[in-house]
Each structure stands twice: as structure tokens, then as C-alpha cells.
Amino acid sequence: MRIDIITIFPHIFDSYFNESIISRAQKKESININIHDLRDFTSDKHRKVDDTPYGGGAGMVLKIEPISEAVESIKKDPSGKKMKTRTILFSAKGKRYTQAEARRLSEYDRLIMICGRYEGVDERVAEHVADEEISIGDFVLTGGELSAMVVADSVSRLVPGVLGNEESLKFESHSEEGYLEYPQYTKPEVFDGLKVPDVLLSGNHGEIEKWRNGKSKNKN
């Protein structure tokens, strides 16, 4: 899978995407993450990406021209290979992001993510450039970069070859709608008087599975 992220702060992603599972997945070429500086797609000497809102109001609004240019440039694959692509704009009014949405997006060959900033993004981006708007929750962030990291991480781990143990996907939280995984324990067996449940030490796999099923929760 290829993930392209459009932002005015490209170095925000350096640390997270160069660590742990995401880093290893990129080295194995299971995923390919590309960060694009929106200012590279401007046409004026000041590399201006925002302007004042029509009708007045506080703050600045990201312009449609550089965003549209960036998306069109990214979609042009030099190899001529056709890729199943979805373009996402992160927005407070977007569809709420869930594990089911992550699974849906993992079926695409390429995701293009547009990170908003300032007071917002010209509405014509949502209407004519992006395929959909996504919100990761009912709260306000200073930009879409954290949302892009969340979506990139949650989608990437569903791509074959990214996780070391694919079985872990079957029994983790949200693997089914509303499902929350059973509690987990590791050594030591006793810590400060707090003991691991006896059933997990019994070696009886039938009883352990029964215990885990009983402890799994359904949010619904």
C-alpha cells in the first residue's frame, strides 16, 4: 500500500514513521509512506498556501489551488500503473473514524491524505478534490497531521506483511464491531500481592478460552 500525506509541516512525521512497526514495514516495502510539502505546489515566490476567508472572520483558510495541484501530481504514476486510490480530507464534520473504516481503507492501493491547518480548508476541496472527509473524534486539533498518523497507523497494520503475527488481528479489540479484547498478563506471577488469575496458570486451554470469552467485552 502507498500512503501520501499532504501537509505544510512535513517534518512532524519524521519521528513516528521512522520507529517501530511502521518503520519495519516500510523497509520491507509492505507499505510506502510519502510526505509532501504543500508549499512545493504553490506558484508564487512567497509559497503562499492560505488566505483570508471571504465574508470575513478570524484566521486564515488553506487555498484550493495548491491542494488540487498536489493531489493531481501525486495521482500521476510514472509507471502508468492504475492504483485504486482514495483521497481523504481530515475535517471536524467528517465521518467518525472506526476500526471498520480502517478495514475499508486498507482495501485501497493508495491513500492520499490532506492535512488541514489554520481556520480550515476551502470548502471546494471537500466538494471537488477529496473523495471523503474523516474525523477521528469530537474534539479540535491544531491540524490534520495527528489524524493522518492515526489513520496511517491503523490502516497499515491491516496490510498483509506489516505485523509479525497476523493471528493477533483476529482477537484484538475492535476486530468485531463493539468487541474489546480480554485482559492480558505477563511475568511476574505475583507483584506487590497482585496475582495473575489462577486459570491462566492452569495449562487448561479449554478453561482459559472460556475465561477469556467471559472477560471479553462488547461495548454495545
Protein backbone atom coordinates (compact mmCIF):
# COMPACT_ATOMS: atom_id res chain seq x y z
CA MET A 1 0.00 0.00 0.00
CA ARG A 2 1.10 3.55 -0.74
CA ILE A 3 0.17 6.40 1.61
CA ASP A 4 0.69 10.02 0.52
CA ILE A 5 0.27 12.80 3.08
CA ILE A 6 -0.05 16.47 2.12
CA THR A 7 0.95 18.92 4.86
CA ILE A 8 2.63 22.27 5.48
CA PHE A 9 4.69 20.71 8.29
CA PRO A 10 6.33 17.66 6.68
CA HIS A 11 8.88 17.04 9.45
CA ILE A 12 6.16 16.40 12.03
CA PHE A 13 6.01 12.82 10.74
CA ASP A 14 9.74 12.04 10.85
CA SER A 15 9.91 10.53 14.33
CA TYR A 16 6.75 8.44 14.36
CA PHE A 17 7.07 6.88 10.92
CA ASN A 18 10.75 6.06 11.45
CA GLU A 19 10.16 3.92 14.54
CA SER A 20 8.75 0.51 15.42
CA ILE A 21 6.33 -1.43 13.20
CA ILE A 22 5.74 1.36 10.67
CA SER A 23 9.47 1.74 10.07
CA ARG A 24 9.99 -2.01 9.63
CA ALA A 25 7.02 -2.25 7.27
CA GLN A 26 8.47 0.47 5.07
CA LYS A 27 11.86 -1.27 4.96
CA LYS A 28 10.11 -4.48 3.90
CA GLU A 29 8.14 -2.42 1.34
CA SER A 30 4.83 -3.69 2.71
CA ILE A 31 3.84 -0.02 2.83
CA ASN A 32 5.26 3.09 1.21
CA ILE A 33 4.67 6.38 3.04
CA ASN A 34 5.41 9.65 1.25
CA ILE A 35 5.17 13.10 2.85
CA HIS A 36 4.52 16.07 0.54
CA ASP A 37 5.10 19.71 1.48
CA LEU A 38 2.06 21.66 0.29
CA ARG A 39 4.26 24.72 -0.31
CA ASP A 40 6.03 22.83 -3.10
CA PHE A 41 2.83 23.06 -5.13
CA THR A 42 2.42 26.84 -4.98
CA SER A 43 3.16 29.13 -7.90
CA ASP A 44 4.13 32.41 -6.19
CA LYS A 45 7.54 33.37 -4.83
CA HIS A 46 6.23 33.52 -1.26
CA ARG A 47 4.90 29.94 -1.48
CA LYS A 48 1.57 31.10 -0.07
CA VAL A 49 -0.87 28.32 0.85
CA ASP A 50 -3.52 30.29 2.76
CA ASP A 51 -5.58 33.48 2.56
CA THR A 52 -8.28 35.40 4.41
CA PRO A 53 -11.83 33.97 4.33
CA TYR A 54 -14.48 35.51 2.09
CA GLY A 55 -17.21 37.08 4.19
CA GLY A 56 -14.78 37.94 6.97
CA GLY A 57 -13.93 36.08 10.13
CA ALA A 58 -10.96 35.10 12.23
CA GLY A 59 -8.00 33.12 10.99
CA MET A 60 -6.75 32.00 7.61
CA VAL A 61 -8.05 29.35 5.21
CA LEU A 62 -5.97 26.92 3.15
CA LYS A 63 -6.33 27.61 -0.57
CA ILE A 64 -7.69 25.09 -3.06
CA GLU A 65 -5.09 25.69 -5.80
CA PRO A 66 -2.01 24.11 -4.17
CA ILE A 67 -4.06 21.27 -2.67
CA SER A 68 -5.61 20.41 -6.04
CA GLU A 69 -2.20 20.62 -7.72
CA ALA A 70 -0.67 18.34 -5.06
CA VAL A 71 -3.38 15.69 -5.37
CA GLU A 72 -3.21 15.67 -9.18
CA SER A 73 0.58 15.43 -9.10
CA ILE A 74 0.51 12.51 -6.67
CA LYS A 75 -2.04 10.64 -8.78
CA LYS A 76 0.28 10.73 -11.81
CA ASP A 77 2.19 7.45 -11.57
CA PRO A 78 5.25 7.48 -13.90
CA SER A 79 4.89 3.72 -14.42
CA GLY A 80 1.37 4.20 -15.76
CA LYS A 81 0.10 1.64 -13.27
CA LYS A 82 -3.51 2.11 -12.24
CA MET A 83 -3.98 2.26 -8.48
CA LYS A 84 -7.22 2.03 -6.54
CA THR A 85 -7.00 5.40 -4.78
CA ARG A 86 -8.96 7.22 -2.08
CA THR A 87 -8.37 10.89 -1.26
CA ILE A 88 -9.17 11.89 2.33
CA LEU A 89 -9.61 15.32 3.87
CA PHE A 90 -9.45 15.46 7.67
CA SER A 91 -12.33 17.59 8.90
CA ALA A 92 -14.36 18.14 12.06
CA LYS A 93 -17.52 17.49 10.06
CA GLY A 94 -16.18 14.29 8.56
CA LYS A 95 -17.37 10.74 9.14
CA ARG A 96 -16.33 9.32 12.51
CA TYR A 97 -13.30 7.04 12.12
CA THR A 98 -13.63 3.48 13.42
CA GLN A 99 -11.89 0.12 13.02
CA ALA A 100 -14.46 -0.75 10.37
CA GLU A 101 -13.34 2.33 8.43
CA ALA A 102 -9.72 1.25 8.80
CA ARG A 103 -10.57 -2.14 7.30
CA ARG A 104 -12.40 -0.45 4.42
CA LEU A 105 -9.48 1.87 3.65
CA SER A 106 -6.97 -0.99 3.83
CA GLU A 107 -8.53 -2.39 0.65
CA TYR A 108 -7.17 0.52 -1.41
CA ASP A 109 -3.82 0.53 -3.19
CA ARG A 110 -3.16 4.16 -2.31
CA LEU A 111 -4.48 6.67 0.21
CA ILE A 112 -3.94 10.40 -0.28
CA MET A 113 -4.42 12.35 2.96
CA ILE A 114 -4.91 16.13 3.11
CA CYS A 115 -3.99 17.76 6.42
CA GLY A 116 -5.85 20.97 7.16
CA ARG A 117 -4.45 23.84 9.23
CA TYR A 118 -5.38 27.30 10.50
CA GLU A 119 -9.09 28.15 10.43
CA GLY A 120 -9.90 25.47 7.89
CA VAL A 121 -9.75 24.46 4.24
CA ASP A 122 -11.55 25.99 1.25
CA GLU A 123 -14.83 24.04 1.05
CA ARG A 124 -14.25 23.32 -2.64
CA VAL A 125 -11.54 20.86 -1.58
CA ALA A 126 -14.14 18.74 0.23
CA GLU A 127 -16.61 19.08 -2.62
CA HIS A 128 -14.37 18.52 -5.63
CA VAL A 129 -10.87 17.29 -4.66
CA ALA A 130 -11.33 14.83 -1.78
CA ASP A 131 -13.37 11.65 -2.02
CA GLU A 132 -14.42 11.83 1.61
CA GLU A 133 -13.97 13.67 4.91
CA ILE A 134 -12.90 11.88 8.08
CA SER A 135 -12.89 12.94 11.74
CA ILE A 136 -11.03 10.92 14.38
CA GLY A 137 -13.20 12.28 17.20
CA ASP A 138 -15.34 15.07 18.57
CA PHE A 139 -12.53 17.39 19.58
CA VAL A 140 -10.45 20.10 17.94
CA LEU A 141 -6.81 19.68 16.85
CA THR A 142 -4.49 22.35 15.51
CA GLY A 143 -4.10 20.43 12.26
CA GLY A 144 -4.74 17.18 10.44
CA GLU A 145 -1.28 15.73 10.94
CA LEU A 146 -2.15 13.72 14.05
CA SER A 147 -5.26 12.41 12.30
CA ALA A 148 -3.10 11.33 9.37
CA MET A 149 -0.79 9.43 11.73
CA VAL A 150 -3.75 7.70 13.37
CA VAL A 151 -5.25 6.60 10.07
CA ALA A 152 -1.90 5.61 8.55
CA ASP A 153 -1.03 3.50 11.60
CA SER A 154 -4.41 1.77 11.95
CA VAL A 155 -4.66 1.02 8.22
CA SER A 156 -1.04 -0.08 7.81
CA ARG A 157 -1.27 -2.80 10.44
CA LEU A 158 -4.09 -4.39 8.43
CA VAL A 159 -1.91 -4.68 5.33
CA PRO A 160 -0.50 -8.21 4.87
CA GLY A 161 3.12 -8.46 5.93
CA VAL A 162 3.12 -5.48 8.28
CA LEU A 163 2.54 -7.30 11.57
CA GLY A 164 4.88 -10.07 12.64
CA ASN A 165 1.98 -12.23 13.82
CA GLU A 166 -1.12 -11.93 11.64
CA GLU A 167 -3.11 -14.00 14.17
CA SER A 168 -3.11 -11.06 16.57
CA LEU A 169 -5.50 -9.23 14.26
CA LYS A 170 -8.21 -11.84 14.81
CA PHE A 171 -8.58 -11.41 18.55
CA GLU A 172 -7.70 -7.76 19.27
CA SER A 173 -10.08 -5.04 20.37
CA HIS A 174 -12.49 -3.80 17.68
CA SER A 175 -11.74 -6.79 15.44
CA GLU A 176 -15.52 -7.16 15.51
CA GLU A 177 -18.00 -4.34 15.99
CA GLY A 178 -18.01 -3.36 19.65
CA TYR A 179 -15.59 -6.08 20.73
CA LEU A 180 -12.97 -5.29 23.38
CA GLU A 181 -10.18 -7.78 23.99
CA TYR A 182 -9.83 -9.84 27.19
CA PRO A 183 -7.29 -8.73 29.88
CA GLN A 184 -3.66 -9.71 29.38
CA TYR A 185 -0.99 -10.63 31.98
CA THR A 186 2.72 -11.48 31.92
CA LYS A 187 5.52 -12.21 34.41
CA PRO A 188 5.95 -11.88 37.34
CA GLU A 189 3.18 -14.15 38.58
CA VAL A 190 2.83 -12.02 41.73
CA PHE A 191 3.63 -8.33 42.04
CA ASP A 192 3.14 -6.48 45.33
CA GLY A 193 0.47 -9.00 46.32
CA LEU A 194 -1.32 -8.75 42.96
CA LYS A 195 -1.61 -12.23 41.46
CA VAL A 196 -2.23 -13.40 37.91
CA PRO A 197 -5.62 -15.25 37.70
CA ASP A 198 -5.17 -18.93 38.53
CA VAL A 199 -6.91 -20.13 35.37
CA LEU A 200 -4.15 -18.61 33.20
CA LEU A 201 -1.57 -20.67 35.07
CA SER A 202 -3.56 -23.91 34.90
CA GLY A 203 -2.47 -25.06 31.44
CA ASN A 204 -6.11 -25.98 30.72
CA HIS A 205 -6.63 -24.35 27.34
CA GLY A 206 -10.36 -25.01 27.32
CA GLU A 207 -10.84 -23.23 30.64
CA ILE A 208 -8.51 -20.42 29.57
CA GLU A 209 -10.54 -19.84 26.39
CA LYS A 210 -13.77 -19.90 28.41
CA TRP A 211 -12.31 -17.34 30.85
CA ARG A 212 -11.14 -15.10 28.03
CA ASN A 213 -14.52 -15.24 26.32
CA GLY A 214 -16.18 -14.30 29.58
CA LYS A 215 -13.82 -11.39 30.13
CA SER A 216 -14.11 -10.03 26.57
CA LYS A 217 -16.46 -7.10 26.44
CA ASN A 218 -18.91 -5.79 23.92
CA LYS A 219 -19.31 -2.03 24.11
CA ASN A 220 -22.73 -2.26 22.55
